[in-house]
């Protein structure tokens, strides 16, 4: 995202699965890095294989549900694919992307406590953590567990789950969003020190309450909320991670 811009418990929760969604590069490149929501998410039944190819005349984005879990994958340029294991496990491979944001979680966010394990990550990326949206007001939010998202106005720090996060807010003007081109605010909390192959958690209530009280923009009605990876600037890489609700 230019200026703004996912196994132990895994033994119980993560196994590589059979559902794969393949996205190939299109010749179209869209500005910005926020994600326009598709109107009809693809839905798969347990055990069903779901595939799709991005053509030149189709948005470089898709969303859906698989085995009760919501997933989203957005791409500008290059190529990217997401593969689903059992429960909240997923893997994303990407190559030479201008921007890719993808992951797995919930179609409706909440002030929930989210458990996650980044089993493997390689190549280049900018952010791994909790990513989501609200409406009324329209807000895009990040909690960076690996990498970082900064920029805009500093709102100080917040301590949560044994870590100290730097807190920023930033306005995006006439940028792509889940409701189309719009002006909206971002909240961005960055710790960035999460290890791989280790169970971690994010107490979203702490972050949300802080944004409500100090952000100045309030906090809207929940849209989707996922454990996500984002990479921009012609990056290539791979992640395998698992998310669950504690």
C-alpha atoms as a PDB file:
ATOM      1  CA  UNK A   1       0.000   0.000   0.000  1.00  0.00           C
ATOM      2  CA  UNK A   2       1.897   3.096  -1.085  1.00  0.00           C
ATOM      3  CA  UNK A   3       1.563   5.316   1.978  1.00  0.00           C
ATOM      4  CA  UNK A   4      -0.971   3.166   3.774  1.00  0.00           C
ATOM      5  CA  UNK A   5      -0.933   0.570   2.708  1.00  0.00           C
ATOM      6  CA  UNK A   6      -1.639 -13.586   8.098  1.00  0.00           C
ATOM      7  CA  UNK A   7       0.832 -24.038  13.212  1.00  0.00           C
ATOM      8  CA  UNK A   8       0.924 -26.521  18.593  1.00  0.00           C
ATOM      9  CA  UNK A   9      -2.475 -25.061  18.285  1.00  0.00           C
ATOM     10  CA  UNK A  10      -1.959 -25.266  14.549  1.00  0.00           C
ATOM     11  CA  UNK A  11      -1.866 -29.016  14.860  1.00  0.00           C
ATOM     12  CA  UNK A  12      -5.423 -28.636  16.013  1.00  0.00           C
ATOM     13  CA  UNK A  13      -6.476 -25.898  13.681  1.00  0.00           C
ATOM     14  CA  UNK A  14      -4.329 -26.010  10.569  1.00  0.00           C
ATOM     15  CA  UNK A  15      -3.935 -28.570   7.834  1.00  0.00           C
ATOM     16  CA  UNK A  16      -3.384 -27.877   4.233  1.00  0.00           C
ATOM     17  CA  UNK A  17      -6.651 -28.160   2.381  1.00  0.00           C
ATOM     18  CA  UNK A  18      -8.011 -28.764  -0.999  1.00  0.00           C
ATOM     19  CA  UNK A  19      -9.734 -25.521  -1.898  1.00  0.00           C
ATOM     20  CA  UNK A  20      -7.693 -23.266  -4.122  1.00  0.00           C
ATOM     21  CA  UNK A  21      -8.438 -19.970  -5.714  1.00  0.00           C
ATOM     22  CA  UNK A  22      -6.104 -18.975  -8.499  1.00  0.00           C
ATOM     23  CA  UNK A  23      -5.670 -15.472  -9.730  1.00  0.00           C
ATOM     24  CA  UNK A  24      -3.525 -14.654 -12.759  1.00  0.00           C
ATOM     25  CA  UNK A  25      -2.256 -11.284 -13.860  1.00  0.00           C
ATOM     26  CA  UNK A  26      -4.446  -8.995 -15.859  1.00  0.00           C
ATOM     27  CA  UNK A  27      -3.293  -6.106 -17.965  1.00  0.00           C
ATOM     28  CA  UNK A  28      -5.325  -3.676 -15.868  1.00  0.00           C
ATOM     29  CA  UNK A  29      -3.740  -1.875 -12.927  1.00  0.00           C
ATOM     30  CA  UNK A  30      -5.994   0.057 -10.555  1.00  0.00           C
ATOM     31  CA  UNK A  31      -4.855   3.003  -8.456  1.00  0.00           C
ATOM     32  CA  UNK A  32      -4.732   2.866  -4.657  1.00  0.00           C
ATOM     33  CA  UNK A  33      -4.598  -0.154  -2.431  1.00  0.00           C
ATOM     34  CA  UNK A  34      -7.968  -0.379  -0.761  1.00  0.00           C
ATOM     35  CA  UNK A  35     -10.405  -3.069  -1.710  1.00  0.00           C
ATOM     36  CA  UNK A  36     -13.679  -2.640  -3.550  1.00  0.00           C
ATOM     37  CA  UNK A  37     -16.041  -5.312  -2.253  1.00  0.00           C
ATOM     38  CA  UNK A  38     -17.552  -7.632  -4.827  1.00  0.00           C
ATOM     39  CA  UNK A  39     -21.320  -7.801  -4.889  1.00  0.00           C
ATOM     40  CA  UNK A  40     -21.691 -11.589  -4.964  1.00  0.00           C
ATOM     41  CA  UNK A  41     -18.979 -13.430  -2.962  1.00  0.00           C
ATOM     42  CA  UNK A  42     -18.223 -16.936  -4.077  1.00  0.00           C
ATOM     43  CA  UNK A  43     -19.367 -19.583  -1.605  1.00  0.00           C
ATOM     44  CA  UNK A  44     -18.129 -23.123  -1.332  1.00  0.00           C
ATOM     45  CA  UNK A  45     -19.611 -26.008   0.553  1.00  0.00           C
ATOM     46  CA  UNK A  46     -17.348 -28.166   2.755  1.00  0.00           C
ATOM     47  CA  UNK A  47     -15.114 -30.246   0.534  1.00  0.00           C
ATOM     48  CA  UNK A  48     -16.053 -28.361  -2.634  1.00  0.00           C
ATOM     49  CA  UNK A  49     -13.258 -27.109  -4.871  1.00  0.00           C
ATOM     50  CA  UNK A  50     -13.637 -23.460  -5.866  1.00  0.00           C
ATOM     51  CA  UNK A  51     -11.522 -21.879  -8.588  1.00  0.00           C
ATOM     52  CA  UNK A  52     -11.590 -18.682 -10.556  1.00  0.00           C
ATOM     53  CA  UNK A  53      -9.435 -16.818 -13.052  1.00  0.00           C
ATOM     54  CA  UNK A  54      -9.153 -13.057 -13.250  1.00  0.00           C
ATOM     55  CA  UNK A  55      -9.634 -11.931 -16.843  1.00  0.00           C
ATOM     56  CA  UNK A  56      -8.782  -8.524 -18.264  1.00  0.00           C
ATOM     57  CA  UNK A  57     -12.394  -7.400 -17.952  1.00  0.00           C
ATOM     58  CA  UNK A  58     -12.853  -8.554 -14.344  1.00  0.00           C
ATOM     59  CA  UNK A  59     -11.830  -6.794 -11.124  1.00  0.00           C
ATOM     60  CA  UNK A  60      -8.562  -8.094  -9.705  1.00  0.00           C
ATOM     61  CA  UNK A  61     -10.258  -9.052  -6.481  1.00  0.00           C
ATOM     62  CA  UNK A  62     -12.368 -11.787  -4.999  1.00  0.00           C
ATOM     63  CA  UNK A  63     -13.973 -12.731  -1.722  1.00  0.00           C
ATOM     64  CA  UNK A  64     -15.973 -15.632  -0.428  1.00  0.00           C
ATOM     65  CA  UNK A  65     -16.500 -18.172   2.301  1.00  0.00           C
ATOM     66  CA  UNK A  66     -15.066 -21.642   2.686  1.00  0.00           C
ATOM     67  CA  UNK A  67     -16.025 -24.043   5.468  1.00  0.00           C
ATOM     68  CA  UNK A  68     -17.574 -21.174   7.385  1.00  0.00           C
ATOM     69  CA  UNK A  69     -14.571 -18.846   7.094  1.00  0.00           C
ATOM     70  CA  UNK A  70     -14.535 -15.590   5.146  1.00  0.00           C
ATOM     71  CA  UNK A  71     -11.599 -14.872   2.833  1.00  0.00           C
ATOM     72  CA  UNK A  72     -10.531 -11.976   0.652  1.00  0.00           C
ATOM     73  CA  UNK A  73      -7.807 -11.496  -1.952  1.00  0.00           C
ATOM     74  CA  UNK A  74      -7.110  -8.228  -3.776  1.00  0.00           C
ATOM     75  CA  UNK A  75      -4.351  -7.727  -6.348  1.00  0.00           C
ATOM     76  CA  UNK A  76      -2.968  -4.992  -8.542  1.00  0.00           C
ATOM     77  CA  UNK A  77      -0.549  -6.276 -11.190  1.00  0.00           C
ATOM     78  CA  UNK A  78       1.548  -9.433 -11.058  1.00  0.00           C
ATOM     79  CA  UNK A  79      -0.083 -12.647  -9.904  1.00  0.00           C
ATOM     80  CA  UNK A  80      -1.382 -14.063  -6.629  1.00  0.00           C
ATOM     81  CA  UNK A  81      -3.184 -17.129  -5.365  1.00  0.00           C
ATOM     82  CA  UNK A  82      -4.763 -18.163  -2.082  1.00  0.00           C
ATOM     83  CA  UNK A  83      -5.108 -21.771  -0.930  1.00  0.00           C
ATOM     84  CA  UNK A  84      -7.271 -22.841   2.002  1.00  0.00           C
ATOM     85  CA  UNK A  85      -6.472 -25.500   4.577  1.00  0.00           C
ATOM     86  CA  UNK A  86      -8.808 -26.622   7.324  1.00  0.00           C
ATOM     87  CA  UNK A  87     -10.477 -24.115   9.638  1.00  0.00           C
ATOM     88  CA  UNK A  88      -8.630 -20.780   9.562  1.00  0.00           C
ATOM     89  CA  UNK A  89      -5.509 -21.982   7.758  1.00  0.00           C
ATOM     90  CA  UNK A  90      -4.509 -20.416   4.439  1.00  0.00           C
ATOM     91  CA  UNK A  91      -1.514 -19.831   2.198  1.00  0.00           C
ATOM     92  CA  UNK A  92      -0.883 -17.011  -0.261  1.00  0.00           C
ATOM     93  CA  UNK A  93       1.731 -16.928  -3.009  1.00  0.00           C
ATOM     94  CA  UNK A  94       2.351 -13.741  -4.970  1.00  0.00           C
ATOM     95  CA  UNK A  95       4.780 -12.528  -7.627  1.00  0.00           C
ATOM     96  CA  UNK A  96       5.713  -9.051  -8.883  1.00  0.00           C
ATOM     97  CA  UNK A  97       2.601  -7.405  -7.468  1.00  0.00           C
ATOM     98  CA  UNK A  98       2.014  -3.688  -7.358  1.00  0.00           C
ATOM     99  CA  UNK A  99      -0.195  -4.486  -4.382  1.00  0.00           C
ATOM    100  CA  UNK A 100      -1.711  -7.596  -2.868  1.00  0.00           C
ATOM    101  CA  UNK A 101      -3.885  -7.850   0.242  1.00  0.00           C
ATOM    102  CA  UNK A 102      -5.345 -11.172   1.264  1.00  0.00           C
ATOM    103  CA  UNK A 103      -6.250 -13.370   4.169  1.00  0.00           C
ATOM    104  CA  UNK A 104      -8.900 -15.163   6.151  1.00  0.00           C
ATOM    105  CA  UNK A 105     -11.219 -14.378   9.028  1.00  0.00           C
ATOM    106  CA  UNK A 106     -14.766 -13.109   9.430  1.00  0.00           C
ATOM    107  CA  UNK A 107     -17.296 -11.458   7.138  1.00  0.00           C
ATOM    108  CA  UNK A 108     -18.348  -9.297  10.092  1.00  0.00           C
ATOM    109  CA  UNK A 109     -15.746  -7.857  12.423  1.00  0.00           C
ATOM    110  CA  UNK A 110     -16.025  -7.578  16.200  1.00  0.00           C
ATOM    111  CA  UNK A 111     -14.105  -6.498  19.273  1.00  0.00           C
ATOM    112  CA  UNK A 112     -13.007 -10.120  19.511  1.00  0.00           C
ATOM    113  CA  UNK A 113      -9.739 -11.628  20.703  1.00  0.00           C
ATOM    114  CA  UNK A 114      -8.017 -13.119  17.682  1.00  0.00           C
ATOM    115  CA  UNK A 115      -5.473 -15.930  17.871  1.00  0.00           C
ATOM    116  CA  UNK A 116      -3.048 -16.469  15.034  1.00  0.00           C
ATOM    117  CA  UNK A 117       0.108 -18.308  14.035  1.00  0.00           C
ATOM    118  CA  UNK A 118       2.297 -17.241  11.113  1.00  0.00           C
ATOM    119  CA  UNK A 119       3.758 -20.641  10.318  1.00  0.00           C
ATOM    120  CA  UNK A 120       5.953 -19.492   7.442  1.00  0.00           C
ATOM    121  CA  UNK A 121       6.610 -16.285   5.571  1.00  0.00           C
ATOM    122  CA  UNK A 122       9.225 -15.657   2.902  1.00  0.00           C
ATOM    123  CA  UNK A 123      10.125 -13.133   0.256  1.00  0.00           C
ATOM    124  CA  UNK A 124       9.127  -9.503   0.692  1.00  0.00           C
ATOM    125  CA  UNK A 125       6.051  -8.044   2.368  1.00  0.00           C
ATOM    126  CA  UNK A 126       4.978  -4.873   4.169  1.00  0.00           C
ATOM    127  CA  UNK A 127       2.373  -5.996   6.664  1.00  0.00           C
ATOM    128  CA  UNK A 128       1.001  -9.078   8.395  1.00  0.00           C
ATOM    129  CA  UNK A 129      -1.712  -8.588  10.984  1.00  0.00           C
ATOM    130  CA  UNK A 130      -5.373  -7.801  11.538  1.00  0.00           C
ATOM    131  CA  UNK A 131      -7.043  -5.858   8.748  1.00  0.00           C
ATOM    132  CA  UNK A 132     -10.611  -4.664   8.384  1.00  0.00           C
ATOM    133  CA  UNK A 133     -13.197  -2.033   7.534  1.00  0.00           C
ATOM    134  CA  UNK A 134     -16.141  -0.247   9.086  1.00  0.00           C
ATOM    135  CA  UNK A 135     -18.901   1.824   7.514  1.00  0.00           C
ATOM    136  CA  UNK A 136     -20.698   4.911   8.818  1.00  0.00           C
ATOM    137  CA  UNK A 137     -18.062   6.173   9.217  1.00  0.00           C
ATOM    138  CA  UNK A 138     -15.987   4.458   6.550  1.00  0.00           C
ATOM    139  CA  UNK A 139     -12.710   3.410   8.205  1.00  0.00           C
ATOM    140  CA  UNK A 140      -9.893   1.095   7.129  1.00  0.00           C
ATOM    141  CA  UNK A 141      -7.877  -0.307  10.032  1.00  0.00           C
ATOM    142  CA  UNK A 142      -4.631  -2.192  10.597  1.00  0.00           C
ATOM    143  CA  UNK A 143      -3.000  -3.903  13.560  1.00  0.00           C
ATOM    144  CA  UNK A 144       0.501  -4.736  12.317  1.00  0.00           C
ATOM    145  CA  UNK A 145       1.942  -7.826  14.013  1.00  0.00           C
ATOM    146  CA  UNK A 146       4.770  -8.203  11.480  1.00  0.00           C
ATOM    147  CA  UNK A 147       6.151  -5.411   9.305  1.00  0.00           C
ATOM    148  CA  UNK A 148       4.649  -1.963   9.814  1.00  0.00           C
ATOM    149  CA  UNK A 149       2.041   0.540   8.693  1.00  0.00           C
ATOM    150  CA  UNK A 150       2.740   4.145   9.657  1.00  0.00           C
ATOM    151  CA  UNK A 151       2.220   7.641   8.334  1.00  0.00           C
ATOM    152  CA  UNK A 152      -0.245  10.397   9.083  1.00  0.00           C
ATOM    153  CA  UNK A 153      -0.896  11.827  12.531  1.00  0.00           C
ATOM    154  CA  UNK A 154       0.605  10.115  15.580  1.00  0.00           C
ATOM    155  CA  UNK A 155      -1.863   9.273  18.331  1.00  0.00           C
ATOM    156  CA  UNK A 156       0.851   8.054  20.689  1.00  0.00           C
ATOM    157  CA  UNK A 157       1.048   4.432  21.764  1.00  0.00           C
ATOM    158  CA  UNK A 158      -1.129   1.707  23.201  1.00  0.00           C
ATOM    159  CA  UNK A 159      -0.090  -1.313  25.270  1.00  0.00           C
ATOM    160  CA  UNK A 160      -1.891  -4.547  24.520  1.00  0.00           C
ATOM    161  CA  UNK A 161      -1.115  -8.259  24.809  1.00  0.00           C
ATOM    162  CA  UNK A 162       2.349  -7.520  26.185  1.00  0.00           C
ATOM    163  CA  UNK A 163       3.381  -5.235  23.308  1.00  0.00           C
ATOM    164  CA  UNK A 164       3.570  -1.490  22.720  1.00  0.00           C
ATOM    165  CA  UNK A 165       1.983  -0.343  19.473  1.00  0.00           C
ATOM    166  CA  UNK A 166       2.571   2.981  17.743  1.00  0.00           C
ATOM    167  CA  UNK A 167      -0.798   4.467  16.738  1.00  0.00           C
ATOM    168  CA  UNK A 168      -1.465   6.592  13.641  1.00  0.00           C
ATOM    169  CA  UNK A 169      -4.443   7.908  11.758  1.00  0.00           C
ATOM    170  CA  UNK A 170      -4.413   9.106   8.179  1.00  0.00           C
ATOM    171  CA  UNK A 171      -7.005  10.383   5.733  1.00  0.00           C
ATOM    172  CA  UNK A 172      -7.343   8.954   2.242  1.00  0.00           C
ATOM    173  CA  UNK A 173      -8.995  11.240  -0.290  1.00  0.00           C
ATOM    174  CA  UNK A 174     -10.866   9.916  -3.336  1.00  0.00           C
ATOM    175  CA  UNK A 175      -9.305   6.486  -2.922  1.00  0.00           C
ATOM    176  CA  UNK A 176     -10.688   3.006  -3.657  1.00  0.00           C
ATOM    177  CA  UNK A 177     -12.651   1.523  -0.777  1.00  0.00           C
ATOM    178  CA  UNK A 178     -15.218  -1.173  -0.035  1.00  0.00           C
ATOM    179  CA  UNK A 179     -17.953   1.213  -1.192  1.00  0.00           C
ATOM    180  CA  UNK A 180     -16.110   2.496  -4.247  1.00  0.00           C
ATOM    181  CA  UNK A 181     -14.019   5.634  -4.589  1.00  0.00           C
ATOM    182  CA  UNK A 182     -14.373   7.588  -1.344  1.00  0.00           C
ATOM    183  CA  UNK A 183     -12.670   9.723   1.249  1.00  0.00           C
ATOM    184  CA  UNK A 184     -12.097   7.877   4.513  1.00  0.00           C
ATOM    185  CA  UNK A 185      -9.810   7.549   7.521  1.00  0.00           C
ATOM    186  CA  UNK A 186      -7.340   4.841   8.402  1.00  0.00           C
ATOM    187  CA  UNK A 187      -6.355   3.716  11.886  1.00  0.00           C
ATOM    188  CA  UNK A 188      -2.961   2.022  11.989  1.00  0.00           C
ATOM    189  CA  UNK A 189      -1.416   0.319  15.037  1.00  0.00           C
ATOM    190  CA  UNK A 190       2.082  -1.101  14.609  1.00  0.00           C
ATOM    191  CA  UNK A 191       4.089  -3.451  16.799  1.00  0.00           C
ATOM    192  CA  UNK A 192       5.711  -5.596  14.136  1.00  0.00           C
ATOM    193  CA  UNK A 193       7.716  -8.026  16.262  1.00  0.00           C
ATOM    194  CA  UNK A 194       5.685 -11.223  16.061  1.00  0.00           C
ATOM    195  CA  UNK A 195       7.774 -14.395  15.628  1.00  0.00           C
ATOM    196  CA  UNK A 196       6.917 -17.146  13.196  1.00  0.00           C
ATOM    197  CA  UNK A 197       5.652 -20.586  14.215  1.00  0.00           C
ATOM    198  CA  UNK A 198       4.334 -19.233  17.516  1.00  0.00           C
ATOM    199  CA  UNK A 199       0.789 -18.783  18.794  1.00  0.00           C
ATOM    200  CA  UNK A 200      -0.029 -15.112  19.350  1.00  0.00           C
ATOM    201  CA  UNK A 201      -3.142 -13.076  20.053  1.00  0.00           C
ATOM    202  CA  UNK A 202      -4.608  -9.649  19.379  1.00  0.00           C
ATOM    203  CA  UNK A 203      -7.210  -8.260  21.775  1.00  0.00           C
ATOM    204  CA  UNK A 204      -9.128  -6.140  19.296  1.00  0.00           C
ATOM    205  CA  UNK A 205     -11.249  -4.492  22.000  1.00  0.00           C
ATOM    206  CA  UNK A 206      -8.151  -2.660  23.252  1.00  0.00           C
ATOM    207  CA  UNK A 207      -7.358  -1.236  19.825  1.00  0.00           C
ATOM    208  CA  UNK A 208     -10.962  -0.389  18.975  1.00  0.00           C
ATOM    209  CA  UNK A 209     -11.622   1.351  22.288  1.00  0.00           C
ATOM    210  CA  UNK A 210      -8.484   3.424  21.825  1.00  0.00           C
ATOM    211  CA  UNK A 211      -9.487   4.412  18.292  1.00  0.00           C
ATOM    212  CA  UNK A 212     -12.948   5.371  19.539  1.00  0.00           C
ATOM    213  CA  UNK A 213     -11.603   7.547  22.329  1.00  0.00           C
ATOM    214  CA  UNK A 214      -8.528   9.099  20.689  1.00  0.00           C
ATOM    215  CA  UNK A 215      -9.003   8.811  16.945  1.00  0.00           C
ATOM    216  CA  UNK A 216     -11.460  11.651  16.588  1.00  0.00           C
ATOM    217  CA  UNK A 217     -13.399   9.835  13.854  1.00  0.00           C
ATOM    218  CA  UNK A 218     -15.326   7.367  15.985  1.00  0.00           C
ATOM    219  CA  UNK A 219     -15.695   3.793  14.790  1.00  0.00           C
ATOM    220  CA  UNK A 220     -18.406   2.544  12.472  1.00  0.00           C
ATOM    221  CA  UNK A 221     -20.433  -0.592  11.826  1.00  0.00           C
ATOM    222  CA  UNK A 222     -18.251  -3.645  11.275  1.00  0.00           C
ATOM    223  CA  UNK A 223     -17.529  -4.929   7.797  1.00  0.00           C
ATOM    224  CA  UNK A 224     -15.028  -7.755   7.221  1.00  0.00           C
ATOM    225  CA  UNK A 225     -12.077  -8.497   9.545  1.00  0.00           C
ATOM    226  CA  UNK A 226      -9.223 -10.823   8.561  1.00  0.00           C
ATOM    227  CA  UNK A 227      -5.702 -11.917   9.366  1.00  0.00           C
ATOM    228  CA  UNK A 228      -4.018 -10.508   6.301  1.00  0.00           C
ATOM    229  CA  UNK A 229      -0.795 -10.021   4.421  1.00  0.00           C
ATOM    230  CA  UNK A 230      -0.130  -6.962   2.325  1.00  0.00           C
ATOM    231  CA  UNK A 231       2.789  -6.390  -0.040  1.00  0.00           C
ATOM    232  CA  UNK A 232       3.269  -3.563  -2.510  1.00  0.00           C
ATOM    233  CA  UNK A 233       6.005  -2.259  -4.804  1.00  0.00           C
ATOM    234  CA  UNK A 234       6.649  -5.213  -7.155  1.00  0.00           C
ATOM    235  CA  UNK A 235       7.172  -7.669  -4.324  1.00  0.00           C
ATOM    236  CA  UNK A 236       7.091 -11.465  -4.433  1.00  0.00           C
ATOM    237  CA  UNK A 237       6.677 -13.919  -1.578  1.00  0.00           C
ATOM    238  CA  UNK A 238       4.698 -16.530   0.321  1.00  0.00           C
ATOM    239  CA  UNK A 239       2.863 -16.875   3.618  1.00  0.00           C
ATOM    240  CA  UNK A 240       1.201 -19.778   5.415  1.00  0.00           C
ATOM    241  CA  UNK A 241      -0.779 -18.788   8.486  1.00  0.00           C
ATOM    242  CA  UNK A 242      -3.724 -19.755  10.670  1.00  0.00           C
ATOM    243  CA  UNK A 243      -6.292 -17.575  12.425  1.00  0.00           C
ATOM    244  CA  UNK A 244      -8.888 -18.417  15.075  1.00  0.00           C
ATOM    245  CA  UNK A 245     -11.020 -16.710  17.708  1.00  0.00           C
ATOM    246  CA  UNK A 246      -9.821 -17.119  21.298  1.00  0.00           C
END
